[in-house]
Every structure is written in C-alpha cells, then in structure tokens.
Amino acid sequence: MRDLDETDLRILELLAEDARRSFSDISDDVGLSAPAVSDRIDRLREEGIIRRFTVDLDQSTLAGGTPVLVRLSVRPEFVDEVRDILRGADQVEHLFVSVDGTVTFHARLDGDATRVELNELVDLSRVRDYEVSLVESAEWTPTVNGTGFALECAECGNTVTSEGESARIGGTLYHFCCSSCLDRFESRYDRLEAGANSNDD
C-alpha cells in the first residue's frame, strides 16, 4: 500500500471535473509525461480508488419523472436490504446511508403516484417513517480534499497508511491498516462463503 501524493490528488481532482480529460491535458497540469499519467491512473484503478468513469447527466433536460429527495427512517434490521434494493433501482441517482440507519436518496418518481412508486421500490413495512421533498435543483460536485483524503480500512475503518496492506478477496480489492485486520476480514469472508456454499447443497 502506498500513500497518495499531491500529484495523485491533483489527477483525481482533474478527473472529477472531467472524466474524459486526455492524458496529455492532465500531464500538462501535473508536470508528468502522458505515459506516466496513464500509469498513475492505472494504479489508482488497481487500488480501487478509481472505480469507474461515468457520465454526469443533467436530468432536468431529459423527460422522465419528478425529481424528489426521499428520507427513509428504516427499521434497523432492514437497512442493508433497503440500501441494496435502492442501489439497483434505475430511478435512484444518489444514495446515502447515515450511521443511525436513515436512508436518503435522490430519485425521479412519478409525481402523480409518488407513494405508489415508492412502495414498489421499497416495502414500506420495513420503514418506520418517510419524508418526500420536491427538488428544485440538484448538483453533484465530487471533490478531492488533500488534507482529509485517505483510504479507509475495510475491517475497522481506520486510516490506511503506507504500512497498510491490500488484498483481492472474492474478486474485489480491499485495503487494510494492518495484517491483523486483513486476517480478521479474510477469516470472516471465508466463514460466510463456506456457509453460503453449504446452504446451496
């Protein structure tokens, strides 16, 4: 595991502004050659820091539903289930889960049948209370803050430093602050996988 330097952070800032920015454009800004920029971006992808390049659509220019912000007070035992359902829903654009289990999402729903469509998205019996607000405008501006930007340990949530470790487990790259966290995570993963396989038999 390596620390991210100022050049890595600047590359991330430039890509957050425009994911289609060319390597030569980035190289002019950061003072590296285009191949060196390409190598750094490849490493950032391998380390799971860059997950994908995407398109930022201005939904207000497209037809299809009323923009709403929905706040769900989800029963604790159903938070993961509701999050996973909403993550896969086409109507949902941004999804947030707070530590108290509140699930908030921005979506485009049928303005005349919002409650019906919401109930089709999420079983409202899993929810204690909910609030729907019409959205006048929405902006999504991803930023890279150099002073507070750090990888988080997949096991304990602590900051991963250059002393940390990375491992590909189940096809996904995870980062850990120490070998103990890596061992605990792998052990739990192996137990869960063994349990899932025994249920399939």
C-alpha atoms as a PDB file:
ATOM      1  CA  MET A   1       0.000   0.000   0.000  1.00  0.00           C
ATOM      2  CA  ARG A   2       1.366   3.408  -0.905  1.00  0.00           C
ATOM      3  CA  ASP A   3       0.486   6.900   0.246  1.00  0.00           C
ATOM      4  CA  LEU A   4      -1.216   9.150  -2.273  1.00  0.00           C
ATOM      5  CA  ASP A   5       0.940  12.149  -3.098  1.00  0.00           C
ATOM      6  CA  GLU A   6      -0.063  15.621  -4.289  1.00  0.00           C
ATOM      7  CA  THR A   7       0.187  14.532  -7.927  1.00  0.00           C
ATOM      8  CA  ASP A   8      -2.253  11.640  -7.350  1.00  0.00           C
ATOM      9  CA  LEU A   9      -4.682  14.015  -5.637  1.00  0.00           C
ATOM     10  CA  ARG A  10      -4.412  16.553  -8.464  1.00  0.00           C
ATOM     11  CA  ILE A  11      -5.065  13.830 -11.054  1.00  0.00           C
ATOM     12  CA  LEU A  12      -8.164  12.791  -9.093  1.00  0.00           C
ATOM     13  CA  GLU A  13      -9.347  16.417  -8.973  1.00  0.00           C
ATOM     14  CA  LEU A  14      -8.924  16.799 -12.729  1.00  0.00           C
ATOM     15  CA  LEU A  15     -10.759  13.546 -13.455  1.00  0.00           C
ATOM     16  CA  ALA A  16     -13.564  14.521 -11.055  1.00  0.00           C
ATOM     17  CA  GLU A  17     -14.025  17.719 -13.077  1.00  0.00           C
ATOM     18  CA  ASP A  18     -13.973  15.879 -16.415  1.00  0.00           C
ATOM     19  CA  ALA A  19     -13.519  12.102 -16.603  1.00  0.00           C
ATOM     20  CA  ARG A  20     -12.853  12.334 -20.374  1.00  0.00           C
ATOM     21  CA  ARG A  21      -9.841  14.611 -19.921  1.00  0.00           C
ATOM     22  CA  SER A  22      -6.939  13.344 -22.004  1.00  0.00           C
ATOM     23  CA  PHE A  23      -3.678  12.075 -20.505  1.00  0.00           C
ATOM     24  CA  SER A  24      -1.772  14.841 -22.333  1.00  0.00           C
ATOM     25  CA  ASP A  25      -4.086  17.501 -20.841  1.00  0.00           C
ATOM     26  CA  ILE A  26      -3.529  16.071 -17.353  1.00  0.00           C
ATOM     27  CA  SER A  27       0.221  15.762 -17.960  1.00  0.00           C
ATOM     28  CA  ASP A  28       0.449  19.483 -18.820  1.00  0.00           C
ATOM     29  CA  ASP A  29      -1.183  20.323 -15.495  1.00  0.00           C
ATOM     30  CA  VAL A  30       0.795  17.966 -13.229  1.00  0.00           C
ATOM     31  CA  GLY A  31       4.181  18.132 -14.948  1.00  0.00           C
ATOM     32  CA  LEU A  32       4.483  14.457 -15.901  1.00  0.00           C
ATOM     33  CA  SER A  33       4.564  12.740 -19.274  1.00  0.00           C
ATOM     34  CA  ALA A  34       1.302  11.329 -20.675  1.00  0.00           C
ATOM     35  CA  PRO A  35       2.527   7.707 -20.195  1.00  0.00           C
ATOM     36  CA  ALA A  36       3.408   8.478 -16.555  1.00  0.00           C
ATOM     37  CA  VAL A  37      -0.100   9.879 -16.026  1.00  0.00           C
ATOM     38  CA  SER A  38      -1.563   6.761 -17.647  1.00  0.00           C
ATOM     39  CA  ASP A  39       0.478   4.556 -15.266  1.00  0.00           C
ATOM     40  CA  ARG A  40      -0.723   6.512 -12.230  1.00  0.00           C
ATOM     41  CA  ILE A  41      -4.365   6.272 -13.306  1.00  0.00           C
ATOM     42  CA  ASP A  42      -3.946   2.519 -13.886  1.00  0.00           C
ATOM     43  CA  ARG A  43      -2.537   2.177 -10.347  1.00  0.00           C
ATOM     44  CA  LEU A  44      -5.390   4.232  -8.872  1.00  0.00           C
ATOM     45  CA  ARG A  45      -7.846   1.888 -10.617  1.00  0.00           C
ATOM     46  CA  GLU A  46      -5.985  -1.251  -9.448  1.00  0.00           C
ATOM     47  CA  GLU A  47      -6.055   0.048  -5.864  1.00  0.00           C
ATOM     48  CA  GLY A  48      -9.799   0.621  -6.080  1.00  0.00           C
ATOM     49  CA  ILE A  49      -9.564   4.392  -5.609  1.00  0.00           C
ATOM     50  CA  ILE A  50     -10.994   5.000  -9.077  1.00  0.00           C
ATOM     51  CA  ARG A  51     -13.848   2.543  -9.503  1.00  0.00           C
ATOM     52  CA  ARG A  52     -15.223   3.710 -12.817  1.00  0.00           C
ATOM     53  CA  PHE A  53     -15.504   6.606 -15.219  1.00  0.00           C
ATOM     54  CA  THR A  54     -19.053   7.843 -15.643  1.00  0.00           C
ATOM     55  CA  VAL A  55     -21.288  10.457 -17.255  1.00  0.00           C
ATOM     56  CA  ASP A  56     -22.827  13.360 -15.339  1.00  0.00           C
ATOM     57  CA  LEU A  57     -26.261  13.854 -16.925  1.00  0.00           C
ATOM     58  CA  ASP A  58     -28.344  16.974 -16.481  1.00  0.00           C
ATOM     59  CA  GLN A  59     -31.592  15.159 -15.750  1.00  0.00           C
ATOM     60  CA  SER A  60     -33.549  18.419 -15.947  1.00  0.00           C
ATOM     61  CA  THR A  61     -33.053  18.362 -19.713  1.00  0.00           C
ATOM     62  CA  LEU A  62     -34.477  14.844 -20.004  1.00  0.00           C
ATOM     63  CA  ALA A  63     -38.054  13.711 -19.610  1.00  0.00           C
ATOM     64  CA  GLY A  64     -38.988  11.089 -17.078  1.00  0.00           C
ATOM     65  CA  GLY A  65     -40.340  11.778 -13.638  1.00  0.00           C
ATOM     66  CA  THR A  66     -40.308  14.389 -10.921  1.00  0.00           C
ATOM     67  CA  PRO A  67     -37.036  14.908  -9.013  1.00  0.00           C
ATOM     68  CA  VAL A  68     -37.508  14.152  -5.317  1.00  0.00           C
ATOM     69  CA  LEU A  69     -35.405  13.731  -2.206  1.00  0.00           C
ATOM     70  CA  VAL A  70     -36.649  10.839  -0.075  1.00  0.00           C
ATOM     71  CA  ARG A  71     -35.660  10.292   3.552  1.00  0.00           C
ATOM     72  CA  LEU A  72     -36.500   6.872   5.000  1.00  0.00           C
ATOM     73  CA  SER A  73     -36.324   6.037   8.675  1.00  0.00           C
ATOM     74  CA  VAL A  74     -35.661   2.326   8.162  1.00  0.00           C
ATOM     75  CA  ARG A  75     -36.111  -0.360  10.817  1.00  0.00           C
ATOM     76  CA  PRO A  76     -32.540  -1.360  11.840  1.00  0.00           C
ATOM     77  CA  GLU A  77     -32.806  -4.973  10.698  1.00  0.00           C
ATOM     78  CA  PHE A  78     -33.758  -3.898   7.167  1.00  0.00           C
ATOM     79  CA  VAL A  79     -31.212  -1.118   6.480  1.00  0.00           C
ATOM     80  CA  ASP A  80     -28.867  -3.294   4.378  1.00  0.00           C
ATOM     81  CA  GLU A  81     -31.755  -4.822   2.429  1.00  0.00           C
ATOM     82  CA  VAL A  82     -33.290  -1.410   1.627  1.00  0.00           C
ATOM     83  CA  ARG A  83     -29.904   0.028   0.652  1.00  0.00           C
ATOM     84  CA  ASP A  84     -29.222  -2.856  -1.735  1.00  0.00           C
ATOM     85  CA  ILE A  85     -32.659  -2.572  -3.360  1.00  0.00           C
ATOM     86  CA  LEU A  86     -32.288   1.177  -3.893  1.00  0.00           C
ATOM     87  CA  ARG A  87     -28.727   0.808  -5.163  1.00  0.00           C
ATOM     88  CA  GLY A  88     -30.053  -1.278  -8.056  1.00  0.00           C
ATOM     89  CA  ALA A  89     -33.091   0.895  -8.842  1.00  0.00           C
ATOM     90  CA  ASP A  90     -32.997   2.796 -12.133  1.00  0.00           C
ATOM     91  CA  GLN A  91     -34.904   5.762 -10.665  1.00  0.00           C
ATOM     92  CA  VAL A  92     -32.329   6.360  -7.910  1.00  0.00           C
ATOM     93  CA  GLU A  93     -29.466   8.712  -8.759  1.00  0.00           C
ATOM     94  CA  HIS A  94     -27.729   9.240  -5.407  1.00  0.00           C
ATOM     95  CA  LEU A  95     -28.000   7.161  -2.257  1.00  0.00           C
ATOM     96  CA  PHE A  96     -26.793   7.858   1.276  1.00  0.00           C
ATOM     97  CA  VAL A  97     -26.985   5.789   4.476  1.00  0.00           C
ATOM     98  CA  SER A  98     -26.229   7.562   7.746  1.00  0.00           C
ATOM     99  CA  VAL A  99     -24.906   5.873  10.869  1.00  0.00           C
ATOM    100  CA  ASP A 100     -28.333   5.973  12.523  1.00  0.00           C
ATOM    101  CA  GLY A 101     -29.745   3.872   9.664  1.00  0.00           C
ATOM    102  CA  THR A 102     -31.517   6.714   7.878  1.00  0.00           C
ATOM    103  CA  VAL A 103     -31.572   6.109   4.138  1.00  0.00           C
ATOM    104  CA  THR A 104     -31.728   9.211   1.940  1.00  0.00           C
ATOM    105  CA  PHE A 105     -31.867   9.151  -1.837  1.00  0.00           C
ATOM    106  CA  HIS A 106     -32.389  11.438  -4.802  1.00  0.00           C
ATOM    107  CA  ALA A 107     -34.613   9.957  -7.487  1.00  0.00           C
ATOM    108  CA  ARG A 108     -37.040  10.729 -10.290  1.00  0.00           C
ATOM    109  CA  LEU A 109     -40.503   9.402  -9.476  1.00  0.00           C
ATOM    110  CA  ASP A 110     -43.968   9.775 -10.977  1.00  0.00           C
ATOM    111  CA  GLY A 111     -45.210  12.998  -9.383  1.00  0.00           C
ATOM    112  CA  ASP A 112     -48.845  11.857  -9.524  1.00  0.00           C
ATOM    113  CA  ALA A 113     -48.198   8.476  -7.909  1.00  0.00           C
ATOM    114  CA  THR A 114     -45.132   9.026  -5.726  1.00  0.00           C
ATOM    115  CA  ARG A 115     -46.388   6.917  -2.801  1.00  0.00           C
ATOM    116  CA  VAL A 116     -47.335   4.033  -5.102  1.00  0.00           C
ATOM    117  CA  GLU A 117     -43.980   4.123  -6.899  1.00  0.00           C
ATOM    118  CA  LEU A 118     -42.109   4.447  -3.599  1.00  0.00           C
ATOM    119  CA  ASN A 119     -43.934   1.392  -2.260  1.00  0.00           C
ATOM    120  CA  GLU A 120     -42.945  -0.502  -5.435  1.00  0.00           C
ATOM    121  CA  LEU A 121     -39.308   0.469  -4.853  1.00  0.00           C
ATOM    122  CA  VAL A 122     -39.227  -0.320  -1.125  1.00  0.00           C
ATOM    123  CA  ASP A 123     -41.541  -2.381   1.044  1.00  0.00           C
ATOM    124  CA  LEU A 124     -42.800   0.443   3.300  1.00  0.00           C
ATOM    125  CA  SER A 125     -43.495  -2.055   6.097  1.00  0.00           C
ATOM    126  CA  ARG A 126     -39.688  -2.038   6.538  1.00  0.00           C
ATOM    127  CA  VAL A 127     -39.817   1.718   7.188  1.00  0.00           C
ATOM    128  CA  ARG A 128     -40.881   3.493  10.385  1.00  0.00           C
ATOM    129  CA  ASP A 129     -41.422   6.846   8.709  1.00  0.00           C
ATOM    130  CA  TYR A 130     -40.573   8.633   5.482  1.00  0.00           C
ATOM    131  CA  GLU A 131     -40.495  12.121   4.025  1.00  0.00           C
ATOM    132  CA  VAL A 132     -40.575  13.132   0.356  1.00  0.00           C
ATOM    133  CA  SER A 133     -39.473  16.592  -0.797  1.00  0.00           C
ATOM    134  CA  LEU A 134     -39.633  18.021  -4.312  1.00  0.00           C
ATOM    135  CA  VAL A 135     -36.198  19.007  -5.596  1.00  0.00           C
ATOM    136  CA  GLU A 136     -35.900  22.371  -7.311  1.00  0.00           C
ATOM    137  CA  SER A 137     -32.302  21.840  -8.409  1.00  0.00           C
ATOM    138  CA  ALA A 138     -29.513  19.372  -7.727  1.00  0.00           C
ATOM    139  CA  GLU A 139     -25.774  19.494  -8.222  1.00  0.00           C
ATOM    140  CA  TRP A 140     -23.215  16.768  -7.712  1.00  0.00           C
ATOM    141  CA  THR A 141     -19.676  18.051  -7.369  1.00  0.00           C
ATOM    142  CA  PRO A 142     -17.213  15.355  -6.324  1.00  0.00           C
ATOM    143  CA  THR A 143     -14.091  16.847  -4.786  1.00  0.00           C
ATOM    144  CA  VAL A 144     -10.779  15.604  -3.545  1.00  0.00           C
ATOM    145  CA  ASN A 145      -9.744  17.305  -0.351  1.00  0.00           C
ATOM    146  CA  GLY A 146      -5.982  16.910   0.038  1.00  0.00           C
ATOM    147  CA  THR A 147      -5.992  17.472   3.794  1.00  0.00           C
ATOM    148  CA  GLY A 148      -8.565  14.841   4.646  1.00  0.00           C
ATOM    149  CA  PHE A 149      -8.286  12.336   1.816  1.00  0.00           C
ATOM    150  CA  ALA A 150      -7.214   8.863   2.883  1.00  0.00           C
ATOM    151  CA  LEU A 151      -8.086   5.245   2.278  1.00  0.00           C
ATOM    152  CA  GLU A 152     -10.181   3.574   4.948  1.00  0.00           C
ATOM    153  CA  CYS A 153      -9.547   0.107   6.347  1.00  0.00           C
ATOM    154  CA  ALA A 154     -12.238  -2.318   5.147  1.00  0.00           C
ATOM    155  CA  GLU A 155     -12.222  -4.049   8.541  1.00  0.00           C
ATOM    156  CA  CYS A 156     -12.000  -1.365  11.238  1.00  0.00           C
ATOM    157  CA  GLY A 157     -12.431   1.937   9.378  1.00  0.00           C
ATOM    158  CA  ASN A 158      -9.072   3.370  10.464  1.00  0.00           C
ATOM    159  CA  THR A 159      -6.903   5.288   8.001  1.00  0.00           C
ATOM    160  CA  VAL A 160      -4.698   3.126   5.783  1.00  0.00           C
ATOM    161  CA  THR A 161      -1.120   4.382   5.674  1.00  0.00           C
ATOM    162  CA  SER A 162       1.924   3.171   3.772  1.00  0.00           C
ATOM    163  CA  GLU A 163       2.235   0.450   6.445  1.00  0.00           C
ATOM    164  CA  GLY A 164      -1.136  -0.973   5.373  1.00  0.00           C
ATOM    165  CA  GLU A 165      -1.886  -3.919   3.135  1.00  0.00           C
ATOM    166  CA  SER A 166      -4.133  -4.575   0.156  1.00  0.00           C
ATOM    167  CA  ALA A 167      -5.675  -7.870  -0.884  1.00  0.00           C
ATOM    168  CA  ARG A 168      -8.054  -9.059  -3.592  1.00  0.00           C
ATOM    169  CA  ILE A 169     -10.766 -11.113  -1.874  1.00  0.00           C
ATOM    170  CA  GLY A 170     -13.662 -12.567  -3.820  1.00  0.00           C
ATOM    171  CA  GLY A 171     -12.646 -10.555  -6.873  1.00  0.00           C
ATOM    172  CA  THR A 172     -12.707  -7.192  -5.049  1.00  0.00           C
ATOM    173  CA  LEU A 173      -9.648  -5.221  -3.936  1.00  0.00           C
ATOM    174  CA  TYR A 174      -9.753  -4.234  -0.238  1.00  0.00           C
ATOM    175  CA  HIS A 175      -7.366  -2.058   1.788  1.00  0.00           C
ATOM    176  CA  PHE A 176      -6.396  -2.707   5.413  1.00  0.00           C
ATOM    177  CA  CYS A 177      -4.492  -0.711   8.007  1.00  0.00           C
ATOM    178  CA  CYS A 178      -2.636  -3.785   9.293  1.00  0.00           C
ATOM    179  CA  SER A 179      -2.208  -7.523   8.783  1.00  0.00           C
ATOM    180  CA  SER A 180      -4.484  -8.294  11.772  1.00  0.00           C
ATOM    181  CA  CYS A 181      -7.418  -6.526  10.101  1.00  0.00           C
ATOM    182  CA  LEU A 182      -6.676  -8.344   6.855  1.00  0.00           C
ATOM    183  CA  ASP A 183      -6.642 -11.712   8.684  1.00  0.00           C
ATOM    184  CA  ARG A 184      -9.933 -10.979  10.506  1.00  0.00           C
ATOM    185  CA  PHE A 185     -11.626  -9.857   7.288  1.00  0.00           C
ATOM    186  CA  GLU A 186     -10.419 -12.911   5.336  1.00  0.00           C
ATOM    187  CA  SER A 187     -11.500 -15.278   8.122  1.00  0.00           C
ATOM    188  CA  ARG A 188     -14.992 -13.781   8.261  1.00  0.00           C
ATOM    189  CA  TYR A 189     -15.253 -13.821   4.457  1.00  0.00           C
ATOM    190  CA  ASP A 190     -14.205 -17.491   4.336  1.00  0.00           C
ATOM    191  CA  ARG A 191     -16.778 -18.396   7.033  1.00  0.00           C
ATOM    192  CA  LEU A 192     -19.567 -16.558   5.206  1.00  0.00           C
ATOM    193  CA  GLU A 193     -18.619 -18.116   1.882  1.00  0.00           C
ATOM    194  CA  ALA A 194     -18.482 -21.604   3.436  1.00  0.00           C
ATOM    195  CA  GLY A 195     -21.915 -21.012   4.996  1.00  0.00           C
ATOM    196  CA  ALA A 196     -23.358 -19.841   1.669  1.00  0.00           C
ATOM    197  CA  ASN A 197     -21.928 -22.868  -0.122  1.00  0.00           C
ATOM    198  CA  SER A 198     -23.345 -25.289   2.478  1.00  0.00           C
ATOM    199  CA  ASN A 199     -26.804 -23.678   2.066  1.00  0.00           C
ATOM    200  CA  ASP A 200     -26.601 -24.298  -1.705  1.00  0.00           C
ATOM    201  CA  ASP A 201     -26.068 -28.033  -1.159  1.00  0.00           C
END
